[in-house]
Amino acid sequence: MNEFMIVVRFNSIFSEEFVSLVPEHRKVVNELMEKGIITSNSLSAGRSTQWITILASSHEAVEKTLQLMPLYKFMLYEVVELMFHRSPVYSPMRFSMN
């Protein structure tokens, strides 16, 4: 598997249709994260840019994954294959035996 960075810019002013699809978009992204297909997801404070890292075998597989997203028709994006992507692992709770 290769890792890809997708830089998404949303090409629409936030229309009613766009806003109505956001909850389903978030649900799909979360499901893909649970499956290990999406490895990270970030959204700019202005909500106009999203950065996603995806594990996939090819650019075509990335395209198929992106097409699953409800906001796909509003997305302008660039797909870049990564040499590596590192980030610390965060856990919500750290247990101590003390």
PDB file of N, CA and C in Angstrom:
ATOM      1  N   MET A   1       0.833  -1.188   0.000  1.00  0.00           N
ATOM      2  CA  MET A   1       0.000   0.000   0.000  1.00  0.00           C
ATOM      3  C   MET A   1       0.879   1.252   0.000  1.00  0.00           C
ATOM      4  N   ASN A   2       0.419   2.235  -0.705  1.00  0.00           N
ATOM      5  CA  ASN A   2       1.081   3.529  -0.735  1.00  0.00           C
ATOM      6  C   ASN A   2       0.218   4.526   0.015  1.00  0.00           C
ATOM      7  N   GLU A   3       0.846   5.595   0.477  1.00  0.00           N
ATOM      8  CA  GLU A   3       0.083   6.629   1.162  1.00  0.00           C
ATOM      9  C   GLU A   3       0.042   7.872   0.273  1.00  0.00           C
ATOM     10  N   PHE A   4      -1.136   8.465   0.195  1.00  0.00           N
ATOM     11  CA  PHE A   4      -1.372   9.625  -0.643  1.00  0.00           C
ATOM     12  C   PHE A   4      -1.909  10.763   0.204  1.00  0.00           C
ATOM     13  N   MET A   5      -1.483  11.987  -0.123  1.00  0.00           N
ATOM     14  CA  MET A   5      -2.030  13.193   0.487  1.00  0.00           C
ATOM     15  C   MET A   5      -2.979  13.812  -0.528  1.00  0.00           C
ATOM     16  N   ILE A   6      -4.184  14.088  -0.082  1.00  0.00           N
ATOM     17  CA  ILE A   6      -5.162  14.742  -0.930  1.00  0.00           C
ATOM     18  C   ILE A   6      -5.415  16.124  -0.333  1.00  0.00           C
ATOM     19  N   VAL A   7      -5.176  17.156  -1.132  1.00  0.00           N
ATOM     20  CA  VAL A   7      -5.438  18.531  -0.718  1.00  0.00           C
ATOM     21  C   VAL A   7      -6.729  18.931  -1.420  1.00  0.00           C
ATOM     22  N   VAL A   8      -7.779  19.140  -0.628  1.00  0.00           N
ATOM     23  CA  VAL A   8      -9.107  19.428  -1.170  1.00  0.00           C
ATOM     24  C   VAL A   8      -9.418  20.905  -0.949  1.00  0.00           C
ATOM     25  N   ARG A   9      -9.901  21.527  -1.985  1.00  0.00           N
ATOM     26  CA  ARG A   9     -10.464  22.873  -1.875  1.00  0.00           C
ATOM     27  C   ARG A   9     -11.909  22.755  -2.321  1.00  0.00           C
ATOM     28  N   PHE A  10     -12.795  23.252  -1.511  1.00  0.00           N
ATOM     29  CA  PHE A  10     -14.205  23.156  -1.861  1.00  0.00           C
ATOM     30  C   PHE A  10     -14.557  24.285  -2.813  1.00  0.00           C
ATOM     31  N   ASN A  11     -15.158  23.939  -3.957  1.00  0.00           N
ATOM     32  CA  ASN A  11     -15.379  24.895  -5.041  1.00  0.00           C
ATOM     33  C   ASN A  11     -16.732  25.578  -4.976  1.00  0.00           C
ATOM     34  N   SER A  12     -17.376  25.525  -3.856  1.00  0.00           N
ATOM     35  CA  SER A  12     -18.711  26.099  -3.769  1.00  0.00           C
ATOM     36  C   SER A  12     -18.827  26.980  -2.542  1.00  0.00           C
ATOM     37  N   ILE A  13     -19.561  28.049  -2.709  1.00  0.00           N
ATOM     38  CA  ILE A  13     -19.978  28.783  -1.521  1.00  0.00           C
ATOM     39  C   ILE A  13     -20.924  27.822  -0.821  1.00  0.00           C
ATOM     40  N   PHE A  14     -20.929  27.816   0.465  1.00  0.00           N
ATOM     41  CA  PHE A  14     -21.651  26.798   1.210  1.00  0.00           C
ATOM     42  C   PHE A  14     -23.158  26.914   0.985  1.00  0.00           C
ATOM     43  N   SER A  15     -23.636  26.234  -0.042  1.00  0.00           N
ATOM     44  CA  SER A  15     -25.045  26.226  -0.401  1.00  0.00           C
ATOM     45  C   SER A  15     -25.830  25.332   0.558  1.00  0.00           C
ATOM     46  N   GLU A  16     -27.146  25.377   0.444  1.00  0.00           N
ATOM     47  CA  GLU A  16     -27.991  24.503   1.262  1.00  0.00           C
ATOM     48  C   GLU A  16     -27.657  23.042   1.005  1.00  0.00           C
ATOM     49  N   GLU A  17     -27.473  22.693  -0.268  1.00  0.00           N
ATOM     50  CA  GLU A  17     -27.146  21.306  -0.611  1.00  0.00           C
ATOM     51  C   GLU A  17     -25.829  20.896   0.030  1.00  0.00           C
ATOM     52  N   PHE A  18     -24.815  21.755  -0.085  1.00  0.00           N
ATOM     53  CA  PHE A  18     -23.506  21.473   0.498  1.00  0.00           C
ATOM     54  C   PHE A  18     -23.646  21.225   1.999  1.00  0.00           C
ATOM     55  N   VAL A  19     -24.283  22.158   2.697  1.00  0.00           N
ATOM     56  CA  VAL A  19     -24.432  22.060   4.154  1.00  0.00           C
ATOM     57  C   VAL A  19     -25.210  20.808   4.537  1.00  0.00           C
ATOM     58  N   SER A  20     -26.218  20.438   3.766  1.00  0.00           N
ATOM     59  CA  SER A  20     -27.025  19.253   4.087  1.00  0.00           C
ATOM     60  C   SER A  20     -26.227  17.953   3.958  1.00  0.00           C
ATOM     61  N   LEU A  21     -25.172  17.978   3.132  1.00  0.00           N
ATOM     62  CA  LEU A  21     -24.352  16.776   2.922  1.00  0.00           C
ATOM     63  C   LEU A  21     -23.204  16.631   3.920  1.00  0.00           C
ATOM     64  N   VAL A  22     -22.908  17.677   4.677  1.00  0.00           N
ATOM     65  CA  VAL A  22     -21.762  17.649   5.603  1.00  0.00           C
ATOM     66  C   VAL A  22     -21.862  16.513   6.623  1.00  0.00           C
ATOM     67  N   PRO A  23     -22.988  16.292   7.305  1.00  0.00           N
ATOM     68  CA  PRO A  23     -23.029  15.191   8.285  1.00  0.00           C
ATOM     69  C   PRO A  23     -22.744  13.824   7.661  1.00  0.00           C
ATOM     70  N   GLU A  24     -23.283  13.570   6.476  1.00  0.00           N
ATOM     71  CA  GLU A  24     -23.026  12.282   5.815  1.00  0.00           C
ATOM     72  C   GLU A  24     -21.573  12.187   5.372  1.00  0.00           C
ATOM     73  N   HIS A  25     -20.991  13.292   4.926  1.00  0.00           N
ATOM     74  CA  HIS A  25     -19.576  13.325   4.545  1.00  0.00           C
ATOM     75  C   HIS A  25     -18.702  12.951   5.744  1.00  0.00           C
ATOM     76  N   ARG A  26     -18.986  13.571   6.875  1.00  0.00           N
ATOM     77  CA  ARG A  26     -18.214  13.270   8.096  1.00  0.00           C
ATOM     78  C   ARG A  26     -18.366  11.807   8.485  1.00  0.00           C
ATOM     79  N   LYS A  27     -19.569  11.267   8.345  1.00  0.00           N
ATOM     80  CA  LYS A  27     -19.817   9.855   8.677  1.00  0.00           C
ATOM     81  C   LYS A  27     -18.977   8.940   7.787  1.00  0.00           C
ATOM     82  N   VAL A  28     -18.965   9.212   6.486  1.00  0.00           N
ATOM     83  CA  VAL A  28     -18.188   8.393   5.549  1.00  0.00           C
ATOM     84  C   VAL A  28     -16.700   8.492   5.864  1.00  0.00           C
ATOM     85  N   VAL A  29     -16.206   9.697   6.124  1.00  0.00           N
ATOM     86  CA  VAL A  29     -14.788   9.875   6.473  1.00  0.00           C
ATOM     87  C   VAL A  29     -14.457   9.076   7.736  1.00  0.00           C
ATOM     88  N   ASN A  30     -15.307   9.157   8.745  1.00  0.00           N
ATOM     89  CA  ASN A  30     -15.067   8.409   9.991  1.00  0.00           C
ATOM     90  C   ASN A  30     -15.065   6.907   9.746  1.00  0.00           C
ATOM     91  N   GLU A  31     -15.978   6.415   8.917  1.00  0.00           N
ATOM     92  CA  GLU A  31     -16.013   4.975   8.603  1.00  0.00           C
ATOM     93  C   GLU A  31     -14.735   4.546   7.876  1.00  0.00           C
ATOM     94  N   LEU A  32     -14.264   5.375   6.940  1.00  0.00           N
ATOM     95  CA  LEU A  32     -13.027   5.055   6.228  1.00  0.00           C
ATOM     96  C   LEU A  32     -11.822   5.109   7.160  1.00  0.00           C
ATOM     97  N   MET A  33     -11.864   5.979   8.162  1.00  0.00           N
ATOM     98  CA  MET A  33     -10.785   6.017   9.159  1.00  0.00           C
ATOM     99  C   MET A  33     -10.806   4.750  10.008  1.00  0.00           C
ATOM    100  N   GLU A  34     -11.996   4.313  10.413  1.00  0.00           N
ATOM    101  CA  GLU A  34     -12.109   3.089  11.208  1.00  0.00           C
ATOM    102  C   GLU A  34     -11.595   1.879  10.441  1.00  0.00           C
ATOM    103  N   LYS A  35     -11.749   1.878   9.124  1.00  0.00           N
ATOM    104  CA  LYS A  35     -11.272   0.780   8.282  1.00  0.00           C
ATOM    105  C   LYS A  35      -9.781   0.887   7.973  1.00  0.00           C
ATOM    106  N   GLY A  36      -9.149   2.023   8.360  1.00  0.00           N
ATOM    107  CA  GLY A  36      -7.727   2.211   8.107  1.00  0.00           C
ATOM    108  C   GLY A  36      -7.411   2.694   6.707  1.00  0.00           C
ATOM    109  N   ILE A  37      -8.428   3.084   5.941  1.00  0.00           N
ATOM    110  CA  ILE A  37      -8.198   3.595   4.589  1.00  0.00           C
ATOM    111  C   ILE A  37      -7.751   5.049   4.653  1.00  0.00           C
ATOM    112  N   ILE A  38      -8.456   5.862   5.422  1.00  0.00           N
ATOM    113  CA  ILE A  38      -8.020   7.225   5.686  1.00  0.00           C
ATOM    114  C   ILE A  38      -7.194   7.188   6.959  1.00  0.00           C
ATOM    115  N   THR A  39      -5.978   7.743   6.881  1.00  0.00           N
ATOM    116  CA  THR A  39      -5.087   7.701   8.044  1.00  0.00           C
ATOM    117  C   THR A  39      -5.032   9.028   8.791  1.00  0.00           C
ATOM    118  N   SER A  40      -5.439  10.117   8.139  1.00  0.00           N
ATOM    119  CA  SER A  40      -5.567  11.393   8.834  1.00  0.00           C
ATOM    120  C   SER A  40      -6.521  12.293   8.056  1.00  0.00           C
ATOM    121  N   ASN A  41      -7.113  13.228   8.775  1.00  0.00           N
ATOM    122  CA  ASN A  41      -8.090  14.131   8.185  1.00  0.00           C
ATOM    123  C   ASN A  41      -8.011  15.453   8.932  1.00  0.00           C
ATOM    124  N   SER A  42      -7.827  16.543   8.196  1.00  0.00           N
ATOM    125  CA  SER A  42      -7.758  17.879   8.804  1.00  0.00           C
ATOM    126  C   SER A  42      -8.590  18.837   7.969  1.00  0.00           C
ATOM    127  N   LEU A  43      -9.177  19.815   8.639  1.00  0.00           N
ATOM    128  CA  LEU A  43      -9.988  20.827   7.977  1.00  0.00           C
ATOM    129  C   LEU A  43      -9.529  22.201   8.451  1.00  0.00           C
ATOM    130  N   SER A  44      -9.365  23.122   7.510  1.00  0.00           N
ATOM    131  CA  SER A  44      -8.940  24.470   7.876  1.00  0.00           C
ATOM    132  C   SER A  44     -10.036  25.168   8.676  1.00  0.00           C
ATOM    133  N   ALA A  45      -9.629  26.145   9.466  1.00  0.00           N
ATOM    134  CA  ALA A  45     -10.583  26.881  10.300  1.00  0.00           C
ATOM    135  C   ALA A  45     -11.654  27.552   9.449  1.00  0.00           C
ATOM    136  N   GLY A  46     -11.319  27.959   8.246  1.00  0.00           N
ATOM    137  CA  GLY A  46     -12.284  28.580   7.355  1.00  0.00           C
ATOM    138  C   GLY A  46     -13.166  27.583   6.623  1.00  0.00           C
ATOM    139  N   ARG A  47     -12.900  26.296   6.842  1.00  0.00           N
ATOM    140  CA  ARG A  47     -13.675  25.192   6.265  1.00  0.00           C
ATOM    141  C   ARG A  47     -13.617  25.125   4.739  1.00  0.00           C
ATOM    142  N   SER A  48     -12.616  25.741   4.156  1.00  0.00           N
ATOM    143  CA  SER A  48     -12.523  25.724   2.698  1.00  0.00           C
ATOM    144  C   SER A  48     -11.476  24.738   2.179  1.00  0.00           C
ATOM    145  N   THR A  49     -10.604  24.263   3.059  1.00  0.00           N
ATOM    146  CA  THR A  49      -9.545  23.337   2.657  1.00  0.00           C
ATOM    147  C   THR A  49      -9.514  22.143   3.606  1.00  0.00           C
ATOM    148  N   GLN A  50      -9.400  20.951   3.015  1.00  0.00           N
ATOM    149  CA  GLN A  50      -9.320  19.712   3.789  1.00  0.00           C
ATOM    150  C   GLN A  50      -8.079  18.965   3.316  1.00  0.00           C
ATOM    151  N   TRP A  51      -7.349  18.391   4.267  1.00  0.00           N
ATOM    152  CA  TRP A  51      -6.182  17.561   3.968  1.00  0.00           C
ATOM    153  C   TRP A  51      -6.499  16.157   4.450  1.00  0.00           C
ATOM    154  N   ILE A  52      -6.349  15.194   3.557  1.00  0.00           N
ATOM    155  CA  ILE A  52      -6.669  13.799   3.873  1.00  0.00           C
ATOM    156  C   ILE A  52      -5.484  12.950   3.443  1.00  0.00           C
ATOM    157  N   THR A  53      -5.090  11.991   4.291  1.00  0.00           N
ATOM    158  CA  THR A  53      -4.122  10.987   3.848  1.00  0.00           C
ATOM    159  C   THR A  53      -4.856   9.662   3.735  1.00  0.00           C
ATOM    160  N   ILE A  54      -4.579   8.976   2.630  1.00  0.00           N
ATOM    161  CA  ILE A  54      -5.272   7.734   2.293  1.00  0.00           C
ATOM    162  C   ILE A  54      -4.238   6.665   1.958  1.00  0.00           C
ATOM    163  N   LEU A  55      -4.471   5.447   2.461  1.00  0.00           N
ATOM    164  CA  LEU A  55      -3.687   4.284   2.047  1.00  0.00           C
ATOM    165  C   LEU A  55      -4.413   3.655   0.868  1.00  0.00           C
ATOM    166  N   ALA A  56      -3.683   3.484  -0.244  1.00  0.00           N
ATOM    167  CA  ALA A  56      -4.293   2.908  -1.446  1.00  0.00           C
ATOM    168  C   ALA A  56      -3.199   2.287  -2.313  1.00  0.00           C
ATOM    169  N   SER A  57      -3.612   1.431  -3.212  1.00  0.00           N
ATOM    170  CA  SER A  57      -2.653   0.766  -4.093  1.00  0.00           C
ATOM    171  C   SER A  57      -2.284   1.612  -5.308  1.00  0.00           C
ATOM    172  N   SER A  58      -3.130   2.610  -5.643  1.00  0.00           N
ATOM    173  CA  SER A  58      -2.889   3.401  -6.850  1.00  0.00           C
ATOM    174  C   SER A  58      -3.687   4.704  -6.808  1.00  0.00           C
ATOM    175  N   HIS A  59      -3.377   5.585  -7.761  1.00  0.00           N
ATOM    176  CA  HIS A  59      -4.148   6.829  -7.897  1.00  0.00           C
ATOM    177  C   HIS A  59      -5.612   6.502  -8.200  1.00  0.00           C
ATOM    178  N   GLU A  60      -5.836   5.454  -8.992  1.00  0.00           N
ATOM    179  CA  GLU A  60      -7.207   5.063  -9.336  1.00  0.00           C
ATOM    180  C   GLU A  60      -7.980   4.636  -8.087  1.00  0.00           C
ATOM    181  N   ALA A  61      -7.314   3.932  -7.186  1.00  0.00           N
ATOM    182  CA  ALA A  61      -7.962   3.522  -5.936  1.00  0.00           C
ATOM    183  C   ALA A  61      -8.285   4.734  -5.062  1.00  0.00           C
ATOM    184  N   VAL A  62      -7.404   5.732  -5.075  1.00  0.00           N
ATOM    185  CA  VAL A  62      -7.681   6.976  -4.346  1.00  0.00           C
ATOM    186  C   VAL A  62      -8.926   7.639  -4.920  1.00  0.00           C
ATOM    187  N   GLU A  63      -9.006   7.715  -6.246  1.00  0.00           N
ATOM    188  CA  GLU A  63     -10.169   8.315  -6.907  1.00  0.00           C
ATOM    189  C   GLU A  63     -11.463   7.603  -6.499  1.00  0.00           C
ATOM    190  N   LYS A  64     -11.440   6.293  -6.463  1.00  0.00           N
ATOM    191  CA  LYS A  64     -12.636   5.532  -6.069  1.00  0.00           C
ATOM    192  C   LYS A  64     -13.025   5.843  -4.627  1.00  0.00           C
ATOM    193  N   THR A  65     -12.035   5.989  -3.764  1.00  0.00           N
ATOM    194  CA  THR A  65     -12.314   6.329  -2.368  1.00  0.00           C
ATOM    195  C   THR A  65     -12.930   7.720  -2.279  1.00  0.00           C
ATOM    196  N   LEU A  66     -12.366   8.679  -2.991  1.00  0.00           N
ATOM    197  CA  LEU A  66     -12.893  10.036  -2.961  1.00  0.00           C
ATOM    198  C   LEU A  66     -14.328  10.096  -3.481  1.00  0.00           C
ATOM    199  N   GLN A  67     -14.633   9.293  -4.471  1.00  0.00           N
ATOM    200  CA  GLN A  67     -15.980   9.281  -5.044  1.00  0.00           C
ATOM    201  C   GLN A  67     -17.035   8.765  -4.072  1.00  0.00           C
ATOM    202  N   LEU A  68     -16.618   8.094  -3.014  1.00  0.00           N
ATOM    203  CA  LEU A  68     -17.553   7.640  -1.981  1.00  0.00           C
ATOM    204  C   LEU A  68     -18.043   8.785  -1.102  1.00  0.00           C
ATOM    205  N   MET A  69     -17.341   9.899  -1.138  1.00  0.00           N
ATOM    206  CA  MET A  69     -17.631  11.005  -0.235  1.00  0.00           C
ATOM    207  C   MET A  69     -18.792  11.849  -0.758  1.00  0.00           C
ATOM    208  N   PRO A  70     -19.780  12.121   0.083  1.00  0.00           N
ATOM    209  CA  PRO A  70     -20.946  12.892  -0.340  1.00  0.00           C
ATOM    210  C   PRO A  70     -20.622  14.284  -0.889  1.00  0.00           C
ATOM    211  N   LEU A  71     -19.528  14.901  -0.455  1.00  0.00           N
ATOM    212  CA  LEU A  71     -19.174  16.230  -0.948  1.00  0.00           C
ATOM    213  C   LEU A  71     -18.278  16.183  -2.191  1.00  0.00           C
ATOM    214  N   TYR A  72     -18.119  15.008  -2.770  1.00  0.00           N
ATOM    215  CA  TYR A  72     -17.203  14.816  -3.903  1.00  0.00           C
ATOM    216  C   TYR A  72     -17.446  15.826  -5.020  1.00  0.00           C
ATOM    217  N   LYS A  73     -18.691  16.072  -5.374  1.00  0.00           N
ATOM    218  CA  LYS A  73     -18.960  16.964  -6.517  1.00  0.00           C
ATOM    219  C   LYS A  73     -18.587  18.418  -6.245  1.00  0.00           C
ATOM    220  N   PHE A  74     -18.335  18.756  -4.980  1.00  0.00           N
ATOM    221  CA  PHE A  74     -17.928  20.110  -4.620  1.00  0.00           C
ATOM    222  C   PHE A  74     -16.410  20.240  -4.453  1.00  0.00           C
ATOM    223  N   MET A  75     -15.684  19.130  -4.642  1.00  0.00           N
ATOM    224  CA  MET A  75     -14.264  19.092  -4.327  1.00  0.00           C
ATOM    225  C   MET A  75     -13.385  19.367  -5.550  1.00  0.00           C
ATOM    226  N   LEU A  76     -12.439  20.290  -5.394  1.00  0.00           N
ATOM    227  CA  LEU A  76     -11.321  20.442  -6.319  1.00  0.00           C
ATOM    228  C   LEU A  76     -10.124  19.922  -5.535  1.00  0.00           C
ATOM    229  N   TYR A  77      -9.377  18.991  -6.086  1.00  0.00           N
ATOM    230  CA  TYR A  77      -8.334  18.366  -5.263  1.00  0.00           C
ATOM    231  C   TYR A  77      -7.111  17.992  -6.071  1.00  0.00           C
ATOM    232  N   GLU A  78      -6.037  17.830  -5.327  1.00  0.00           N
ATOM    233  CA  GLU A  78      -4.768  17.348  -5.863  1.00  0.00           C
ATOM    234  C   GLU A  78      -4.385  16.107  -5.081  1.00  0.00           C
ATOM    235  N   VAL A  79      -3.969  15.065  -5.786  1.00  0.00           N
ATOM    236  CA  VAL A  79      -3.529  13.815  -5.158  1.00  0.00           C
ATOM    237  C   VAL A  79      -2.016  13.720  -5.324  1.00  0.00           C
ATOM    238  N   VAL A  80      -1.312  13.558  -4.196  1.00  0.00           N
ATOM    239  CA  VAL A  80       0.147  13.465  -4.209  1.00  0.00           C
ATOM    240  C   VAL A  80       0.556  12.177  -3.494  1.00  0.00           C
ATOM    241  N   GLU A  81       1.331  11.347  -4.169  1.00  0.00           N
ATOM    242  CA  GLU A  81       1.846  10.145  -3.509  1.00  0.00           C
ATOM    243  C   GLU A  81       2.974  10.559  -2.576  1.00  0.00           C
ATOM    244  N   LEU A  82       2.940  10.055  -1.360  1.00  0.00           N
ATOM    245  CA  LEU A  82       3.918  10.428  -0.340  1.00  0.00           C
ATOM    246  C   LEU A  82       5.040   9.404  -0.249  1.00  0.00           C
ATOM    247  N   MET A  83       6.227   9.875   0.074  1.00  0.00           N
ATOM    248  CA  MET A  83       7.329   8.983   0.405  1.00  0.00           C
ATOM    249  C   MET A  83       7.106   8.452   1.819  1.00  0.00           C
ATOM    250  N   PHE A  84       6.685   9.361   2.727  1.00  0.00           N
ATOM    251  CA  PHE A  84       6.315   8.972   4.079  1.00  0.00           C
ATOM    252  C   PHE A  84       5.428  10.047   4.675  1.00  0.00           C
ATOM    253  N   HIS A  85       4.712   9.662   5.695  1.00  0.00           N
ATOM    254  CA  HIS A  85       3.868  10.584   6.461  1.00  0.00           C
ATOM    255  C   HIS A  85       3.967  10.127   7.904  1.00  0.00           C
ATOM    256  N   ARG A  86       4.491  10.983   8.750  1.00  0.00           N
ATOM    257  CA  ARG A  86       4.677  10.620  10.151  1.00  0.00           C
ATOM    258  C   ARG A  86       3.877  11.563  11.020  1.00  0.00           C
ATOM    259  N   SER A  87       3.290  10.997  12.029  1.00  0.00           N
ATOM    260  CA  SER A  87       2.618  11.798  13.044  1.00  0.00           C
ATOM    261  C   SER A  87       2.607  10.990  14.328  1.00  0.00           C
ATOM    262  N   PRO A  88       2.643  11.671  15.450  1.00  0.00           N
ATOM    263  CA  PRO A  88       2.629  10.940  16.714  1.00  0.00           C
ATOM    264  C   PRO A  88       1.272  10.275  16.917  1.00  0.00           C
ATOM    265  N   VAL A  89       1.294   9.189  17.636  1.00  0.00           N
ATOM    266  CA  VAL A  89       0.056   8.494  17.958  1.00  0.00           C
ATOM    267  C   VAL A  89      -0.479   9.080  19.253  1.00  0.00           C
ATOM    268  N   TYR A  90      -1.696   9.569  19.188  1.00  0.00           N
ATOM    269  CA  TYR A  90      -2.323  10.132  20.372  1.00  0.00           C
ATOM    270  C   TYR A  90      -3.361   9.145  20.878  1.00  0.00           C
ATOM    271  N   SER A  91      -3.426   9.006  22.190  1.00  0.00           N
ATOM    272  CA  SER A  91      -4.495   8.204  22.761  1.00  0.00           C
ATOM    273  C   SER A  91      -5.280   9.116  23.691  1.00  0.00           C
ATOM    274  N   PRO A  92      -6.581   8.897  23.785  1.00  0.00           N
ATOM    275  CA  PRO A  92      -7.388   9.793  24.596  1.00  0.00           C
ATOM    276  C   PRO A  92      -7.068   9.726  26.072  1.00  0.00           C
ATOM    277  N   MET A  93      -6.571   8.584  26.546  1.00  0.00           N
ATOM    278  CA  MET A  93      -6.268   8.430  27.964  1.00  0.00           C
ATOM    279  C   MET A  93      -4.939   7.689  28.117  1.00  0.00           C
ATOM    280  N   ARG A  94      -4.182   8.092  29.059  1.00  0.00           N
ATOM    281  CA  ARG A  94      -2.940   7.379  29.380  1.00  0.00           C
ATOM    282  C   ARG A  94      -3.101   6.825  30.790  1.00  0.00           C
ATOM    283  N   PHE A  95      -2.876   5.546  30.902  1.00  0.00           N
ATOM    284  CA  PHE A  95      -3.021   4.905  32.186  1.00  0.00           C
ATOM    285  C   PHE A  95      -1.673   4.796  32.880  1.00  0.00           C
ATOM    286  N   SER A  96      -1.682   4.965  34.172  1.00  0.00           N
ATOM    287  CA  SER A  96      -0.468   4.837  34.949  1.00  0.00           C
ATOM    288  C   SER A  96      -0.707   3.812  36.050  1.00  0.00           C
ATOM    289  N   MET A  97       0.269   2.984  36.291  1.00  0.00           N
ATOM    290  CA  MET A  97       0.140   1.970  37.338  1.00  0.00           C
ATOM    291  C   MET A  97       0.526   2.531  38.692  1.00  0.00           C
ATOM    292  N   ASN A  98       0.858   3.811  38.791  1.00  0.00           N
ATOM    293  CA  ASN A  98       1.246   4.420  40.070  1.00  0.00           C
ATOM    294  C   ASN A  98       0.048   4.779  40.893  1.00  0.00           C
TER     295      ASN A  98
END
